[in-house]
Amino acid sequence: MVDASLNRSHSVYHTIIMRKDDQSESKRARALQTYNTEMEMIDQIAEGARSQAEENRRKEVKKVAEKANKIRSNGKIPTKTCLCL
């Protein structure tokens, strides 16, 4: 009788531990999924920022090249006309 009672309480204890492990595993899986989603979003934002910076750099290089070609063709540095005194 004592053995049966101990066996039953051990079984209940084991079941409680298993439920807690399942809950912990579930929380861990949700946390990992959230982390992965956030990392994907950050990667997308970073990729957008990289491509925008690259585009800005290309535009700036093009602008400088056009200015250099203008200087080469005229032989003079273009100046802005400012009539402010």
PDB file of N, CA and C in Angstrom:
ATOM      1  N   MET A   1       0.817  -1.176   0.000  1.00  0.00           N
ATOM      2  CA  MET A   1       0.000   0.000   0.000  1.00  0.00           C
ATOM      3  C   MET A   1       0.874   1.258   0.000  1.00  0.00           C
ATOM      4  N   VAL A   2       1.894   1.258   0.776  1.00  0.00           N
ATOM      5  CA  VAL A   2       2.790   2.405   0.837  1.00  0.00           C
ATOM      6  C   VAL A   2       3.504   2.569  -0.510  1.00  0.00           C
ATOM      7  N   ASP A   3       3.903   1.441  -1.085  1.00  0.00           N
ATOM      8  CA  ASP A   3       4.576   1.499  -2.380  1.00  0.00           C
ATOM      9  C   ASP A   3       3.658   2.062  -3.451  1.00  0.00           C
ATOM     10  N   ALA A   4       2.396   1.666  -3.439  1.00  0.00           N
ATOM     11  CA  ALA A   4       1.434   2.155  -4.421  1.00  0.00           C
ATOM     12  C   ALA A   4       1.221   3.656  -4.250  1.00  0.00           C
ATOM     13  N   SER A   5       1.143   4.111  -3.007  1.00  0.00           N
ATOM     14  CA  SER A   5       0.953   5.529  -2.727  1.00  0.00           C
ATOM     15  C   SER A   5       2.176   6.327  -3.177  1.00  0.00           C
ATOM     16  N   LEU A   6       3.368   5.829  -2.907  1.00  0.00           N
ATOM     17  CA  LEU A   6       4.596   6.497  -3.328  1.00  0.00           C
ATOM     18  C   LEU A   6       4.713   6.514  -4.847  1.00  0.00           C
ATOM     19  N   ASN A   7       4.349   5.402  -5.435  1.00  0.00           N
ATOM     20  CA  ASN A   7       4.418   5.299  -6.884  1.00  0.00           C
ATOM     21  C   ASN A   7       3.469   6.302  -7.536  1.00  0.00           C
ATOM     22  N   ARG A   8       2.261   6.445  -6.970  1.00  0.00           N
ATOM     23  CA  ARG A   8       1.270   7.376  -7.495  1.00  0.00           C
ATOM     24  C   ARG A   8       1.748   8.824  -7.333  1.00  0.00           C
ATOM     25  N   SER A   9       2.296   9.171  -6.164  1.00  0.00           N
ATOM     26  CA  SER A   9       2.758  10.545  -5.941  1.00  0.00           C
ATOM     27  C   SER A   9       3.976  10.839  -6.830  1.00  0.00           C
ATOM     28  N   HIS A  10       4.796   9.831  -7.029  1.00  0.00           N
ATOM     29  CA  HIS A  10       5.944  10.015  -7.924  1.00  0.00           C
ATOM     30  C   HIS A  10       5.454  10.246  -9.350  1.00  0.00           C
ATOM     31  N   SER A  11       4.436   9.530  -9.755  1.00  0.00           N
ATOM     32  CA  SER A  11       3.870   9.669 -11.090  1.00  0.00           C
ATOM     33  C   SER A  11       3.262  11.062 -11.271  1.00  0.00           C
ATOM     34  N   VAL A  12       2.553  11.558 -10.248  1.00  0.00           N
ATOM     35  CA  VAL A  12       1.961  12.896 -10.299  1.00  0.00           C
ATOM     36  C   VAL A  12       3.063  13.940 -10.387  1.00  0.00           C
ATOM     37  N   TYR A  13       4.081  13.779  -9.571  1.00  0.00           N
ATOM     38  CA  TYR A  13       5.213  14.710  -9.569  1.00  0.00           C
ATOM     39  C   TYR A  13       5.887  14.715 -10.946  1.00  0.00           C
ATOM     40  N   HIS A  14       6.078  13.531 -11.502  1.00  0.00           N
ATOM     41  CA  HIS A  14       6.698  13.402 -12.812  1.00  0.00           C
ATOM     42  C   HIS A  14       5.844  14.087 -13.886  1.00  0.00           C
ATOM     43  N   THR A  15       4.524  13.954 -13.800  1.00  0.00           N
ATOM     44  CA  THR A  15       3.612  14.582 -14.753  1.00  0.00           C
ATOM     45  C   THR A  15       3.696  16.104 -14.654  1.00  0.00           C
ATOM     46  N   ILE A  16       3.770  16.629 -13.441  1.00  0.00           N
ATOM     47  CA  ILE A  16       3.879  18.080 -13.239  1.00  0.00           C
ATOM     48  C   ILE A  16       5.181  18.594 -13.837  1.00  0.00           C
ATOM     49  N   ILE A  17       6.252  17.893 -13.609  1.00  0.00           N
ATOM     50  CA  ILE A  17       7.552  18.286 -14.156  1.00  0.00           C
ATOM     51  C   ILE A  17       7.504  18.282 -15.688  1.00  0.00           C
ATOM     52  N   MET A  18       6.872  17.264 -16.257  1.00  0.00           N
ATOM     53  CA  MET A  18       6.782  17.165 -17.710  1.00  0.00           C
ATOM     54  C   MET A  18       5.966  18.326 -18.280  1.00  0.00           C
ATOM     55  N   ARG A  19       4.882  18.713 -17.602  1.00  0.00           N
ATOM     56  CA  ARG A  19       4.076  19.838 -18.066  1.00  0.00           C
ATOM     57  C   ARG A  19       4.892  21.125 -18.044  1.00  0.00           C
ATOM     58  N   LYS A  20       5.650  21.320 -16.968  1.00  0.00           N
ATOM     59  CA  LYS A  20       6.484  22.520 -16.870  1.00  0.00           C
ATOM     60  C   LYS A  20       7.540  22.524 -17.965  1.00  0.00           C
ATOM     61  N   ASP A  21       8.125  21.368 -18.253  1.00  0.00           N
ATOM     62  CA  ASP A  21       9.101  21.273 -19.330  1.00  0.00           C
ATOM     63  C   ASP A  21       8.458  21.591 -20.670  1.00  0.00           C
ATOM     64  N   ASP A  22       7.240  21.091 -20.890  1.00  0.00           N
ATOM     65  CA  ASP A  22       6.527  21.374 -22.132  1.00  0.00           C
ATOM     66  C   ASP A  22       6.231  22.863 -22.256  1.00  0.00           C
ATOM     67  N   GLN A  23       5.828  23.491 -21.141  1.00  0.00           N
ATOM     68  CA  GLN A  23       5.541  24.920 -21.152  1.00  0.00           C
ATOM     69  C   GLN A  23       6.825  25.714 -21.429  1.00  0.00           C
ATOM     70  N   SER A  24       7.909  25.288 -20.803  1.00  0.00           N
ATOM     71  CA  SER A  24       9.187  25.968 -21.030  1.00  0.00           C
ATOM     72  C   SER A  24       9.612  25.827 -22.479  1.00  0.00           C
ATOM     73  N   GLU A  25       9.450  24.651 -23.006  1.00  0.00           N
ATOM     74  CA  GLU A  25       9.807  24.396 -24.405  1.00  0.00           C
ATOM     75  C   GLU A  25       8.935  25.239 -25.333  1.00  0.00           C
ATOM     76  N   SER A  26       7.659  25.361 -25.011  1.00  0.00           N
ATOM     77  CA  SER A  26       6.744  26.163 -25.812  1.00  0.00           C
ATOM     78  C   SER A  26       7.153  27.643 -25.773  1.00  0.00           C
ATOM     79  N   LYS A  27       7.472  28.146 -24.588  1.00  0.00           N
ATOM     80  CA  LYS A  27       7.918  29.536 -24.443  1.00  0.00           C
ATOM     81  C   LYS A  27       9.210  29.765 -25.220  1.00  0.00           C
ATOM     82  N   ARG A  28      10.116  28.816 -25.132  1.00  0.00           N
ATOM     83  CA  ARG A  28      11.389  28.921 -25.824  1.00  0.00           C
ATOM     84  C   ARG A  28      11.165  28.965 -27.342  1.00  0.00           C
ATOM     85  N   ALA A  29      10.269  28.134 -27.830  1.00  0.00           N
ATOM     86  CA  ALA A  29       9.978  28.100 -29.268  1.00  0.00           C
ATOM     87  C   ALA A  29       9.350  29.418 -29.724  1.00  0.00           C
ATOM     88  N   ARG A  30       8.423  29.967 -28.929  1.00  0.00           N
ATOM     89  CA  ARG A  30       7.805  31.252 -29.279  1.00  0.00           C
ATOM     90  C   ARG A  30       8.834  32.378 -29.257  1.00  0.00           C
ATOM     91  N   ALA A  31       9.705  32.356 -28.259  1.00  0.00           N
ATOM     92  CA  ALA A  31      10.743  33.386 -28.160  1.00  0.00           C
ATOM     93  C   ALA A  31      11.692  33.308 -29.358  1.00  0.00           C
ATOM     94  N   LEU A  32      12.042  32.103 -29.755  1.00  0.00           N
ATOM     95  CA  LEU A  32      12.918  31.916 -30.903  1.00  0.00           C
ATOM     96  C   LEU A  32      12.247  32.402 -32.185  1.00  0.00           C
ATOM     97  N   GLN A  33      10.968  32.119 -32.328  1.00  0.00           N
ATOM     98  CA  GLN A  33      10.229  32.565 -33.510  1.00  0.00           C
ATOM     99  C   GLN A  33      10.167  34.090 -33.546  1.00  0.00           C
ATOM    100  N   THR A  34       9.913  34.719 -32.413  1.00  0.00           N
ATOM    101  CA  THR A  34       9.876  36.178 -32.330  1.00  0.00           C
ATOM    102  C   THR A  34      11.237  36.767 -32.687  1.00  0.00           C
ATOM    103  N   TYR A  35      12.280  36.168 -32.150  1.00  0.00           N
ATOM    104  CA  TYR A  35      13.646  36.621 -32.427  1.00  0.00           C
ATOM    105  C   TYR A  35      13.938  36.536 -33.928  1.00  0.00           C
ATOM    106  N   ASN A  36      13.604  35.400 -34.536  1.00  0.00           N
ATOM    107  CA  ASN A  36      13.867  35.219 -35.967  1.00  0.00           C
ATOM    108  C   ASN A  36      13.081  36.227 -36.804  1.00  0.00           C
ATOM    109  N   THR A  37      11.845  36.485 -36.434  1.00  0.00           N
ATOM    110  CA  THR A  37      11.028  37.460 -37.152  1.00  0.00           C
ATOM    111  C   THR A  37      11.640  38.853 -37.054  1.00  0.00           C
ATOM    112  N   GLU A  38      12.057  39.229 -35.856  1.00  0.00           N
ATOM    113  CA  GLU A  38      12.668  40.544 -35.662  1.00  0.00           C
ATOM    114  C   GLU A  38      13.978  40.662 -36.432  1.00  0.00           C
ATOM    115  N   MET A  39      14.770  39.605 -36.443  1.00  0.00           N
ATOM    116  CA  MET A  39      16.039  39.628 -37.175  1.00  0.00           C
ATOM    117  C   MET A  39      15.793  39.768 -38.684  1.00  0.00           C
ATOM    118  N   GLU A  40      14.786  39.100 -39.205  1.00  0.00           N
ATOM    119  CA  GLU A  40      14.447  39.232 -40.624  1.00  0.00           C
ATOM    120  C   GLU A  40      14.043  40.667 -40.947  1.00  0.00           C
ATOM    121  N   MET A  41      13.252  41.262 -40.064  1.00  0.00           N
ATOM    122  CA  MET A  41      12.810  42.631 -40.269  1.00  0.00           C
ATOM    123  C   MET A  41      14.011  43.589 -40.237  1.00  0.00           C
ATOM    124  N   ILE A  42      14.911  43.385 -39.296  1.00  0.00           N
ATOM    125  CA  ILE A  42      16.108  44.222 -39.196  1.00  0.00           C
ATOM    126  C   ILE A  42      16.969  44.059 -40.444  1.00  0.00           C
ATOM    127  N   ASP A  43      17.109  42.826 -40.925  1.00  0.00           N
ATOM    128  CA  ASP A  43      17.893  42.581 -42.139  1.00  0.00           C
ATOM    129  C   ASP A  43      17.284  43.297 -43.341  1.00  0.00           C
ATOM    130  N   GLN A  44      15.957  43.281 -43.444  1.00  0.00           N
ATOM    131  CA  GLN A  44      15.290  43.963 -44.553  1.00  0.00           C
ATOM    132  C   GLN A  44      15.517  45.474 -44.479  1.00  0.00           C
ATOM    133  N   ILE A  45      15.421  46.032 -43.275  1.00  0.00           N
ATOM    134  CA  ILE A  45      15.637  47.470 -43.093  1.00  0.00           C
ATOM    135  C   ILE A  45      17.082  47.821 -43.435  1.00  0.00           C
ATOM    136  N   ALA A  46      18.007  47.003 -42.965  1.00  0.00           N
ATOM    137  CA  ALA A  46      19.425  47.251 -43.236  1.00  0.00           C
ATOM    138  C   ALA A  46      19.722  47.160 -44.733  1.00  0.00           C
ATOM    139  N   GLU A  47      19.135  46.195 -45.399  1.00  0.00           N
ATOM    140  CA  GLU A  47      19.339  46.044 -46.849  1.00  0.00           C
ATOM    141  C   GLU A  47      18.798  47.271 -47.580  1.00  0.00           C
ATOM    142  N   GLY A  48      17.642  47.766 -47.163  1.00  0.00           N
ATOM    143  CA  GLY A  48      17.083  48.976 -47.761  1.00  0.00           C
ATOM    144  C   GLY A  48      17.991  50.178 -47.546  1.00  0.00           C
ATOM    145  N   ALA A  49      18.531  50.305 -46.355  1.00  0.00           N
ATOM    146  CA  ALA A  49      19.427  51.420 -46.052  1.00  0.00           C
ATOM    147  C   ALA A  49      20.717  51.307 -46.868  1.00  0.00           C
ATOM    148  N   ARG A  50      21.238  50.078 -47.010  1.00  0.00           N
ATOM    149  CA  ARG A  50      22.447  49.876 -47.813  1.00  0.00           C
ATOM    150  C   ARG A  50      22.208  50.260 -49.271  1.00  0.00           C
ATOM    151  N   SER A  51      21.092  49.812 -49.816  1.00  0.00           N
ATOM    152  CA  SER A  51      20.816  50.111 -51.225  1.00  0.00           C
ATOM    153  C   SER A  51      20.590  51.605 -51.427  1.00  0.00           C
ATOM    154  N   GLN A  52      19.959  52.260 -50.473  1.00  0.00           N
ATOM    155  CA  GLN A  52      19.741  53.704 -50.580  1.00  0.00           C
ATOM    156  C   GLN A  52      21.073  54.450 -50.496  1.00  0.00           C
ATOM    157  N   ALA A  53      21.947  54.032 -49.586  1.00  0.00           N
ATOM    158  CA  ALA A  53      23.254  54.668 -49.463  1.00  0.00           C
ATOM    159  C   ALA A  53      24.071  54.461 -50.738  1.00  0.00           C
ATOM    160  N   GLU A  54      23.985  53.272 -51.312  1.00  0.00           N
ATOM    161  CA  GLU A  54      24.694  52.985 -52.555  1.00  0.00           C
ATOM    162  C   GLU A  54      24.169  53.855 -53.693  1.00  0.00           C
ATOM    163  N   GLU A  55      22.864  54.014 -53.760  1.00  0.00           N
ATOM    164  CA  GLU A  55      22.248  54.859 -54.786  1.00  0.00           C
ATOM    165  C   GLU A  55      22.693  56.310 -54.617  1.00  0.00           C
ATOM    166  N   ASN A  56      22.716  56.800 -53.377  1.00  0.00           N
ATOM    167  CA  ASN A  56      23.166  58.169 -53.120  1.00  0.00           C
ATOM    168  C   ASN A  56      24.627  58.341 -53.535  1.00  0.00           C
ATOM    169  N   ARG A  57      25.431  57.335 -53.254  1.00  0.00           N
ATOM    170  CA  ARG A  57      26.846  57.382 -53.626  1.00  0.00           C
ATOM    171  C   ARG A  57      26.994  57.420 -55.143  1.00  0.00           C
ATOM    172  N   ARG A  58      26.214  56.593 -55.855  1.00  0.00           N
ATOM    173  CA  ARG A  58      26.268  56.591 -57.323  1.00  0.00           C
ATOM    174  C   ARG A  58      25.891  57.956 -57.890  1.00  0.00           C
ATOM    175  N   LYS A  59      24.847  58.564 -57.321  1.00  0.00           N
ATOM    176  CA  LYS A  59      24.422  59.884 -57.781  1.00  0.00           C
ATOM    177  C   LYS A  59      25.507  60.920 -57.553  1.00  0.00           C
ATOM    178  N   GLU A  60      26.152  60.850 -56.392  1.00  0.00           N
ATOM    179  CA  GLU A  60      27.212  61.803 -56.058  1.00  0.00           C
ATOM    180  C   GLU A  60      28.406  61.626 -56.992  1.00  0.00           C
ATOM    181  N   VAL A  61      28.777  60.383 -57.278  1.00  0.00           N
ATOM    182  CA  VAL A  61      29.894  60.119 -58.189  1.00  0.00           C
ATOM    183  C   VAL A  61      29.561  60.644 -59.583  1.00  0.00           C
ATOM    184  N   LYS A  62      28.325  60.445 -60.027  1.00  0.00           N
ATOM    185  CA  LYS A  62      27.897  60.927 -61.345  1.00  0.00           C
ATOM    186  C   LYS A  62      27.969  62.449 -61.407  1.00  0.00           C
ATOM    187  N   LYS A  63      27.527  63.094 -60.344  1.00  0.00           N
ATOM    188  CA  LYS A  63      27.536  64.553 -60.283  1.00  0.00           C
ATOM    189  C   LYS A  63      28.972  65.084 -60.350  1.00  0.00           C
ATOM    190  N   VAL A  64      29.870  64.455 -59.612  1.00  0.00           N
ATOM    191  CA  VAL A  64      31.278  64.871 -59.606  1.00  0.00           C
ATOM    192  C   VAL A  64      31.906  64.639 -60.975  1.00  0.00           C
ATOM    193  N   ALA A  65      31.574  63.504 -61.605  1.00  0.00           N
ATOM    194  CA  ALA A  65      32.120  63.210 -62.933  1.00  0.00           C
ATOM    195  C   ALA A  65      31.646  64.234 -63.956  1.00  0.00           C
ATOM    196  N   GLU A  66      30.374  64.621 -63.890  1.00  0.00           N
ATOM    197  CA  GLU A  66      29.845  65.645 -64.804  1.00  0.00           C
ATOM    198  C   GLU A  66      30.549  66.985 -64.603  1.00  0.00           C
ATOM    199  N   LYS A  67      30.791  67.328 -63.347  1.00  0.00           N
ATOM    200  CA  LYS A  67      31.487  68.581 -63.041  1.00  0.00           C
ATOM    201  C   LYS A  67      32.922  68.529 -63.563  1.00  0.00           C
ATOM    202  N   ALA A  68      33.565  67.376 -63.391  1.00  0.00           N
ATOM    203  CA  ALA A  68      34.934  67.224 -63.892  1.00  0.00           C
ATOM    204  C   ALA A  68      34.965  67.335 -65.408  1.00  0.00           C
ATOM    205  N   ASN A  69      34.009  66.745 -66.094  1.00  0.00           N
ATOM    206  CA  ASN A  69      33.949  66.847 -67.555  1.00  0.00           C
ATOM    207  C   ASN A  69      33.737  68.292 -68.000  1.00  0.00           C
ATOM    208  N   LYS A  70      32.907  69.019 -67.259  1.00  0.00           N
ATOM    209  CA  LYS A  70      32.659  70.426 -67.573  1.00  0.00           C
ATOM    210  C   LYS A  70      33.947  71.231 -67.424  1.00  0.00           C
ATOM    211  N   ILE A  71      34.702  70.966 -66.372  1.00  0.00           N
ATOM    212  CA  ILE A  71      35.969  71.666 -66.136  1.00  0.00           C
ATOM    213  C   ILE A  71      36.959  71.327 -67.252  1.00  0.00           C
ATOM    214  N   ARG A  72      37.004  70.068 -67.651  1.00  0.00           N
ATOM    215  CA  ARG A  72      37.927  69.652 -68.712  1.00  0.00           C
ATOM    216  C   ARG A  72      37.577  70.314 -70.050  1.00  0.00           C
ATOM    217  N   SER A  73      36.283  70.409 -70.325  1.00  0.00           N
ATOM    218  CA  SER A  73      35.877  70.977 -71.612  1.00  0.00           C
ATOM    219  C   SER A  73      36.114  72.491 -71.671  1.00  0.00           C
ATOM    220  N   ASN A  74      35.897  73.203 -70.585  1.00  0.00           N
ATOM    221  CA  ASN A  74      36.072  74.661 -70.555  1.00  0.00           C
ATOM    222  C   ASN A  74      37.491  75.061 -70.192  1.00  0.00           C
ATOM    223  N   GLY A  75      38.083  74.295 -69.346  1.00  0.00           N
ATOM    224  CA  GLY A  75      39.381  74.689 -68.814  1.00  0.00           C
ATOM    225  C   GLY A  75      39.235  75.619 -67.617  1.00  0.00           C
ATOM    226  N   LYS A  76      38.012  75.889 -67.226  1.00  0.00           N
ATOM    227  CA  LYS A  76      37.752  76.783 -66.085  1.00  0.00           C
ATOM    228  C   LYS A  76      36.857  76.073 -65.073  1.00  0.00           C
ATOM    229  N   ILE A  77      37.005  76.488 -63.844  1.00  0.00           N
ATOM    230  CA  ILE A  77      36.165  75.948 -62.780  1.00  0.00           C
ATOM    231  C   ILE A  77      34.855  76.730 -62.794  1.00  0.00           C
ATOM    232  N   PRO A  78      33.722  76.027 -62.884  1.00  0.00           N
ATOM    233  CA  PRO A  78      32.451  76.755 -62.875  1.00  0.00           C
ATOM    234  C   PRO A  78      32.216  77.417 -61.526  1.00  0.00           C
ATOM    235  N   THR A  79      31.819  78.668 -61.578  1.00  0.00           N
ATOM    236  CA  THR A  79      31.539  79.411 -60.338  1.00  0.00           C
ATOM    237  C   THR A  79      30.091  79.817 -60.338  1.00  0.00           C
ATOM    238  N   LYS A  80      29.560  79.895 -59.185  1.00  0.00           N
ATOM    239  CA  LYS A  80      28.190  80.339 -59.047  1.00  0.00           C
ATOM    240  C   LYS A  80      28.187  81.862 -59.027  1.00  0.00           C
ATOM    241  N   THR A  81      27.286  82.435 -59.740  1.00  0.00           N
ATOM    242  CA  THR A  81      27.174  83.884 -59.762  1.00  0.00           C
ATOM    243  C   THR A  81      26.403  84.333 -58.543  1.00  0.00           C
ATOM    244  N   CYS A  82      27.058  85.137 -57.747  1.00  0.00           N
ATOM    245  CA  CYS A  82      26.435  85.645 -56.540  1.00  0.00           C
ATOM    246  C   CYS A  82      26.605  87.157 -56.519  1.00  0.00           C
ATOM    247  N   LEU A  83      25.536  87.879 -56.514  1.00  0.00           N
ATOM    248  CA  LEU A  83      25.595  89.339 -56.528  1.00  0.00           C
ATOM    249  C   LEU A  83      25.377  89.902 -55.128  1.00  0.00           C
ATOM    250  N   CYS A  84      25.654  89.097 -54.126  1.00  0.00           N
ATOM    251  CA  CYS A  84      25.457  89.589 -52.762  1.00  0.00           C
ATOM    252  C   CYS A  84      26.729  90.310 -52.298  1.00  0.00           C
ATOM    253  N   LEU A  85      26.551  91.420 -51.650  1.00  0.00           N
ATOM    254  CA  LEU A  85      27.685  92.207 -51.155  1.00  0.00           C
ATOM    255  C   LEU A  85      27.698  92.253 -49.661  1.00  0.00           C
TER     256      LEU A  85
END
